[in-house]
Amino acid sequence: MATTPIRPGPGQESVWDYPRPPSLTQSARHVVVRLGGVVVADTRRAWRVCETSHPPVYYVPRDDVAAGALRPGSANASLCEWKGPATYWTVLGGGEVAVDGAWSYESPTPAFVPMA
């Protein structure tokens, strides 16, 4: 089965145009994260990571996460060759619980220190 890339339309991006290793840029977007109808994070200081074949991921500064919204997640471990070891977090909001619903890089590689 042959595949043909779909060209992005106006205002769209293609994940196949993203770089490898990934890029890290400060975002000017207003990023709001909700769980159970409650705002658990609200920032205009997010970091945007784009990597080939992956959708963009926004990393929110810890200061912009609601108090009590994060608890240590499971003992799952993962390692990104570009960003370093990931730490997982359980997210709490509006009576809902998202186990490992967020992750961070507490000891990132030098290129990704700004988002730590």
N, C-alpha and C. Protein backbone atom coordinates (compact mmCIF):
# COMPACT_ATOMS: atom_id res chain seq x y z
N MET A 1 0.84 -1.17 0.00
CA MET A 1 0.00 0.00 0.00
C MET A 1 0.90 1.24 0.00
N ALA A 2 0.77 2.06 -0.97
CA ALA A 2 1.56 3.29 -1.07
C ALA A 2 0.90 4.40 -0.27
N THR A 3 1.71 5.24 0.31
CA THR A 3 1.18 6.38 1.04
C THR A 3 1.64 7.65 0.37
N THR A 4 0.77 8.62 0.38
CA THR A 4 1.08 9.92 -0.18
C THR A 4 0.94 10.96 0.92
N PRO A 5 1.98 11.73 1.18
CA PRO A 5 1.86 12.74 2.23
C PRO A 5 0.73 13.72 1.91
N ILE A 6 0.05 14.15 2.93
CA ILE A 6 -1.00 15.15 2.77
C ILE A 6 -0.36 16.51 3.00
N ARG A 7 -0.50 17.38 2.03
CA ARG A 7 0.07 18.72 2.17
C ARG A 7 -0.78 19.52 3.16
N PRO A 8 -0.13 20.20 4.09
CA PRO A 8 -0.90 21.00 5.04
C PRO A 8 -1.56 22.19 4.34
N GLY A 9 -2.73 22.54 4.81
CA GLY A 9 -3.45 23.68 4.27
C GLY A 9 -2.95 24.98 4.89
N PRO A 10 -3.54 26.08 4.49
CA PRO A 10 -3.14 27.38 5.04
C PRO A 10 -3.27 27.38 6.57
N GLY A 11 -2.23 27.85 7.24
CA GLY A 11 -2.25 27.93 8.69
C GLY A 11 -1.98 26.61 9.40
N GLN A 12 -1.75 25.53 8.64
CA GLN A 12 -1.48 24.23 9.23
C GLN A 12 0.01 23.90 9.12
N GLU A 13 0.43 22.94 9.94
CA GLU A 13 1.81 22.46 9.91
C GLU A 13 1.79 20.96 9.68
N SER A 14 2.87 20.44 9.15
CA SER A 14 3.02 19.00 8.98
C SER A 14 4.06 18.50 9.98
N VAL A 15 3.73 17.43 10.70
CA VAL A 15 4.69 16.86 11.65
C VAL A 15 5.93 16.35 10.93
N TRP A 16 5.83 16.10 9.64
CA TRP A 16 6.97 15.61 8.87
C TRP A 16 7.96 16.71 8.54
N ASP A 17 7.54 17.96 8.75
CA ASP A 17 8.44 19.10 8.54
C ASP A 17 9.18 19.50 9.82
N TYR A 18 8.83 18.91 10.95
CA TYR A 18 9.49 19.23 12.21
C TYR A 18 10.88 18.62 12.23
N PRO A 19 11.79 19.21 13.00
CA PRO A 19 13.19 18.75 13.00
C PRO A 19 13.45 17.54 13.88
N ARG A 20 14.57 16.93 13.63
CA ARG A 20 15.10 15.88 14.49
C ARG A 20 16.60 16.13 14.56
N PRO A 21 17.17 16.44 15.70
CA PRO A 21 16.57 16.49 17.02
C PRO A 21 15.49 17.58 17.12
N PRO A 22 14.63 17.46 18.13
CA PRO A 22 13.51 18.39 18.26
C PRO A 22 13.95 19.83 18.53
N SER A 23 13.04 20.73 18.20
CA SER A 23 13.27 22.15 18.48
C SER A 23 12.56 22.53 19.77
N LEU A 24 13.09 23.53 20.44
CA LEU A 24 12.51 24.07 21.66
C LEU A 24 12.37 25.57 21.46
N THR A 25 11.14 26.07 21.53
CA THR A 25 10.91 27.51 21.37
C THR A 25 9.93 27.99 22.43
N GLN A 26 10.13 29.22 22.88
CA GLN A 26 9.18 29.83 23.81
C GLN A 26 7.92 30.15 23.01
N SER A 27 6.76 29.83 23.55
CA SER A 27 5.50 30.06 22.85
C SER A 27 4.83 31.33 23.36
N ALA A 28 4.24 32.08 22.44
CA ALA A 28 3.48 33.27 22.81
C ALA A 28 2.00 32.93 23.04
N ARG A 29 1.63 31.67 22.81
CA ARG A 29 0.23 31.26 22.96
C ARG A 29 -0.20 31.24 24.42
N HIS A 30 -1.49 31.47 24.61
CA HIS A 30 -2.09 31.31 25.93
C HIS A 30 -2.48 29.84 26.05
N VAL A 31 -1.80 29.11 26.91
CA VAL A 31 -2.04 27.67 27.08
C VAL A 31 -2.81 27.47 28.38
N VAL A 32 -3.98 26.82 28.27
CA VAL A 32 -4.81 26.51 29.43
C VAL A 32 -5.05 25.01 29.43
N VAL A 33 -4.84 24.38 30.59
CA VAL A 33 -5.07 22.94 30.75
C VAL A 33 -6.20 22.77 31.74
N ARG A 34 -7.22 21.99 31.34
CA ARG A 34 -8.36 21.73 32.22
C ARG A 34 -8.51 20.24 32.45
N LEU A 35 -8.96 19.90 33.64
CA LEU A 35 -9.30 18.52 33.97
C LEU A 35 -10.55 18.58 34.84
N GLY A 36 -11.57 17.83 34.46
CA GLY A 36 -12.81 17.84 35.22
C GLY A 36 -13.46 19.21 35.25
N GLY A 37 -13.25 20.00 34.20
CA GLY A 37 -13.85 21.33 34.13
C GLY A 37 -13.12 22.39 34.94
N VAL A 38 -12.01 22.02 35.56
CA VAL A 38 -11.24 22.95 36.40
C VAL A 38 -9.91 23.27 35.71
N VAL A 39 -9.51 24.53 35.77
CA VAL A 39 -8.22 24.93 35.21
C VAL A 39 -7.12 24.44 36.14
N VAL A 40 -6.25 23.58 35.62
CA VAL A 40 -5.12 23.06 36.41
C VAL A 40 -3.80 23.72 36.01
N ALA A 41 -3.79 24.40 34.87
CA ALA A 41 -2.60 25.15 34.45
C ALA A 41 -3.04 26.27 33.51
N ASP A 42 -2.38 27.41 33.62
CA ASP A 42 -2.71 28.57 32.81
C ASP A 42 -1.42 29.38 32.63
N THR A 43 -0.96 29.50 31.40
CA THR A 43 0.31 30.20 31.18
C THR A 43 0.36 30.90 29.83
N ARG A 44 1.21 31.88 29.77
CA ARG A 44 1.61 32.53 28.51
C ARG A 44 3.12 32.39 28.36
N ARG A 45 3.69 31.43 29.12
CA ARG A 45 5.14 31.23 29.13
C ARG A 45 5.52 29.79 28.80
N ALA A 46 4.69 29.10 28.06
CA ALA A 46 4.95 27.69 27.75
C ALA A 46 6.13 27.55 26.78
N TRP A 47 6.73 26.38 26.83
CA TRP A 47 7.77 26.00 25.87
C TRP A 47 7.16 25.00 24.91
N ARG A 48 7.41 25.17 23.62
CA ARG A 48 6.86 24.29 22.58
C ARG A 48 7.99 23.43 22.02
N VAL A 49 7.75 22.12 22.02
CA VAL A 49 8.72 21.17 21.47
C VAL A 49 8.11 20.55 20.22
N CYS A 50 8.84 20.61 19.13
CA CYS A 50 8.41 20.00 17.87
C CYS A 50 9.47 19.01 17.43
N GLU A 51 9.01 17.81 17.10
CA GLU A 51 9.91 16.73 16.69
C GLU A 51 9.27 15.97 15.54
N THR A 52 10.09 15.59 14.58
CA THR A 52 9.62 14.86 13.41
C THR A 52 8.65 13.75 13.80
N SER A 53 7.52 13.71 13.16
CA SER A 53 6.46 12.70 13.28
C SER A 53 5.67 12.76 14.58
N HIS A 54 5.91 13.78 15.42
CA HIS A 54 5.17 13.93 16.68
C HIS A 54 4.39 15.24 16.66
N PRO A 55 3.21 15.25 17.29
CA PRO A 55 2.51 16.53 17.41
C PRO A 55 3.27 17.45 18.35
N PRO A 56 3.10 18.76 18.23
CA PRO A 56 3.77 19.67 19.15
C PRO A 56 3.35 19.38 20.59
N VAL A 57 4.29 19.54 21.51
CA VAL A 57 4.02 19.36 22.94
C VAL A 57 4.37 20.67 23.64
N TYR A 58 3.47 21.12 24.51
CA TYR A 58 3.70 22.34 25.27
C TYR A 58 4.06 21.97 26.70
N TYR A 59 5.15 22.56 27.21
CA TYR A 59 5.59 22.35 28.58
C TYR A 59 5.30 23.63 29.37
N VAL A 60 4.57 23.47 30.46
CA VAL A 60 4.09 24.59 31.27
C VAL A 60 5.02 24.79 32.47
N PRO A 61 5.46 26.02 32.73
CA PRO A 61 6.28 26.26 33.92
C PRO A 61 5.54 25.83 35.19
N ARG A 62 6.25 25.21 36.11
CA ARG A 62 5.63 24.71 37.35
C ARG A 62 4.89 25.81 38.10
N ASP A 63 5.40 27.05 38.05
CA ASP A 63 4.73 28.16 38.74
C ASP A 63 3.35 28.46 38.17
N ASP A 64 3.06 27.99 36.97
CA ASP A 64 1.78 28.26 36.33
C ASP A 64 0.81 27.08 36.42
N VAL A 65 1.16 26.09 37.23
CA VAL A 65 0.29 24.94 37.50
C VAL A 65 -0.39 25.21 38.84
N ALA A 66 -1.70 24.95 38.91
CA ALA A 66 -2.46 25.19 40.14
C ALA A 66 -1.89 24.39 41.31
N ALA A 67 -1.88 25.02 42.47
CA ALA A 67 -1.41 24.35 43.68
C ALA A 67 -2.25 23.10 43.92
N GLY A 68 -1.59 22.00 44.20
CA GLY A 68 -2.28 20.75 44.50
C GLY A 68 -2.73 19.96 43.28
N ALA A 69 -2.45 20.47 42.07
CA ALA A 69 -2.90 19.78 40.86
C ALA A 69 -2.00 18.62 40.47
N LEU A 70 -0.77 18.59 40.98
CA LEU A 70 0.16 17.52 40.62
C LEU A 70 0.57 16.71 41.85
N ARG A 71 0.60 15.40 41.66
CA ARG A 71 1.12 14.47 42.65
C ARG A 71 2.10 13.56 41.92
N PRO A 72 3.08 13.01 42.62
CA PRO A 72 3.99 12.08 41.94
C PRO A 72 3.19 10.99 41.24
N GLY A 73 3.61 10.67 40.02
CA GLY A 73 2.93 9.64 39.23
C GLY A 73 3.45 8.26 39.56
N SER A 74 3.22 7.36 38.64
CA SER A 74 3.66 5.98 38.84
C SER A 74 5.19 5.91 38.73
N ALA A 75 5.68 4.73 38.93
CA ALA A 75 7.13 4.52 38.83
C ALA A 75 7.57 4.30 37.39
N ASN A 76 6.66 4.51 36.43
CA ASN A 76 7.04 4.36 35.03
C ASN A 76 8.24 5.25 34.73
N ALA A 77 9.08 4.77 33.86
CA ALA A 77 10.26 5.53 33.49
C ALA A 77 10.40 5.53 31.97
N SER A 78 10.84 6.64 31.45
CA SER A 78 11.17 6.69 30.03
C SER A 78 12.35 7.63 29.85
N LEU A 79 13.03 7.45 28.77
CA LEU A 79 14.21 8.26 28.48
C LEU A 79 14.14 8.73 27.04
N CYS A 80 14.15 10.03 26.87
CA CYS A 80 14.21 10.62 25.53
C CYS A 80 15.68 10.88 25.22
N GLU A 81 16.12 10.39 24.09
CA GLU A 81 17.53 10.60 23.74
C GLU A 81 17.88 12.07 23.61
N TRP A 82 16.89 12.93 23.37
CA TRP A 82 17.15 14.35 23.18
C TRP A 82 16.90 15.16 24.44
N LYS A 83 15.84 14.81 25.19
CA LYS A 83 15.45 15.63 26.35
C LYS A 83 15.94 15.07 27.68
N GLY A 84 16.17 13.77 27.76
CA GLY A 84 16.64 13.15 29.00
C GLY A 84 15.57 12.28 29.65
N PRO A 85 15.75 11.94 30.94
CA PRO A 85 14.79 11.08 31.64
C PRO A 85 13.52 11.86 32.03
N ALA A 86 12.37 11.22 31.84
CA ALA A 86 11.08 11.85 32.16
C ALA A 86 10.61 11.46 33.55
N THR A 87 9.97 12.42 34.21
CA THR A 87 9.31 12.19 35.49
C THR A 87 7.81 12.31 35.24
N TYR A 88 7.03 11.34 35.72
CA TYR A 88 5.59 11.34 35.47
C TYR A 88 4.82 11.86 36.67
N TRP A 89 3.70 12.53 36.36
CA TRP A 89 2.87 13.17 37.38
C TRP A 89 1.41 12.74 37.22
N THR A 90 0.74 12.54 38.34
CA THR A 90 -0.71 12.34 38.35
C THR A 90 -1.33 13.73 38.46
N VAL A 91 -2.33 14.00 37.62
CA VAL A 91 -2.98 15.31 37.60
C VAL A 91 -4.35 15.18 38.27
N LEU A 92 -4.66 16.13 39.16
CA LEU A 92 -5.93 16.15 39.89
C LEU A 92 -6.68 17.42 39.55
N GLY A 93 -7.98 17.28 39.24
CA GLY A 93 -8.77 18.46 38.95
C GLY A 93 -10.24 18.14 38.80
N GLY A 94 -11.09 18.91 39.45
CA GLY A 94 -12.53 18.74 39.31
C GLY A 94 -13.02 17.36 39.68
N GLY A 95 -12.37 16.73 40.64
CA GLY A 95 -12.77 15.39 41.06
C GLY A 95 -12.26 14.29 40.16
N GLU A 96 -11.51 14.63 39.13
CA GLU A 96 -10.95 13.62 38.23
C GLU A 96 -9.46 13.44 38.51
N VAL A 97 -8.98 12.25 38.16
CA VAL A 97 -7.58 11.90 38.36
C VAL A 97 -7.02 11.36 37.05
N ALA A 98 -5.94 11.92 36.57
CA ALA A 98 -5.27 11.43 35.36
C ALA A 98 -3.89 10.92 35.77
N VAL A 99 -3.81 9.60 35.99
CA VAL A 99 -2.55 8.99 36.40
C VAL A 99 -1.55 9.12 35.24
N ASP A 100 -0.38 9.62 35.55
CA ASP A 100 0.66 9.86 34.54
C ASP A 100 0.16 10.77 33.42
N GLY A 101 -0.73 11.68 33.79
CA GLY A 101 -1.32 12.59 32.81
C GLY A 101 -0.40 13.73 32.41
N ALA A 102 0.71 13.87 33.08
CA ALA A 102 1.69 14.91 32.74
C ALA A 102 3.08 14.35 32.99
N TRP A 103 4.05 14.96 32.33
CA TRP A 103 5.43 14.56 32.55
C TRP A 103 6.33 15.78 32.45
N SER A 104 7.49 15.66 33.03
CA SER A 104 8.46 16.75 33.00
C SER A 104 9.85 16.15 32.87
N TYR A 105 10.80 17.04 32.65
CA TYR A 105 12.21 16.65 32.58
C TYR A 105 12.93 17.42 33.67
N GLU A 106 13.13 16.77 34.81
CA GLU A 106 13.73 17.42 35.97
C GLU A 106 15.23 17.62 35.80
N SER A 107 15.86 16.74 35.04
CA SER A 107 17.30 16.83 34.76
C SER A 107 17.51 16.68 33.26
N PRO A 108 17.06 17.68 32.49
CA PRO A 108 17.13 17.56 31.04
C PRO A 108 18.55 17.70 30.49
N THR A 109 18.68 17.34 29.24
CA THR A 109 19.94 17.57 28.54
C THR A 109 20.13 19.09 28.41
N PRO A 110 21.36 19.56 28.19
CA PRO A 110 21.61 21.01 28.15
C PRO A 110 20.70 21.79 27.20
N ALA A 111 20.37 21.24 26.05
CA ALA A 111 19.55 21.98 25.08
C ALA A 111 18.13 22.22 25.57
N PHE A 112 17.67 21.42 26.56
CA PHE A 112 16.29 21.53 27.02
C PHE A 112 16.17 22.05 28.45
N VAL A 113 17.25 22.55 29.02
CA VAL A 113 17.22 23.11 30.37
C VAL A 113 16.17 24.22 30.52
N PRO A 114 15.95 25.09 29.52
CA PRO A 114 14.97 26.16 29.72
C PRO A 114 13.57 25.68 30.10
N MET A 115 13.18 24.49 29.67
CA MET A 115 11.81 24.03 29.97
C MET A 115 11.72 23.25 31.27
N ALA A 116 12.83 23.08 31.97
CA ALA A 116 12.81 22.29 33.22
C ALA A 116 12.12 23.03 34.34
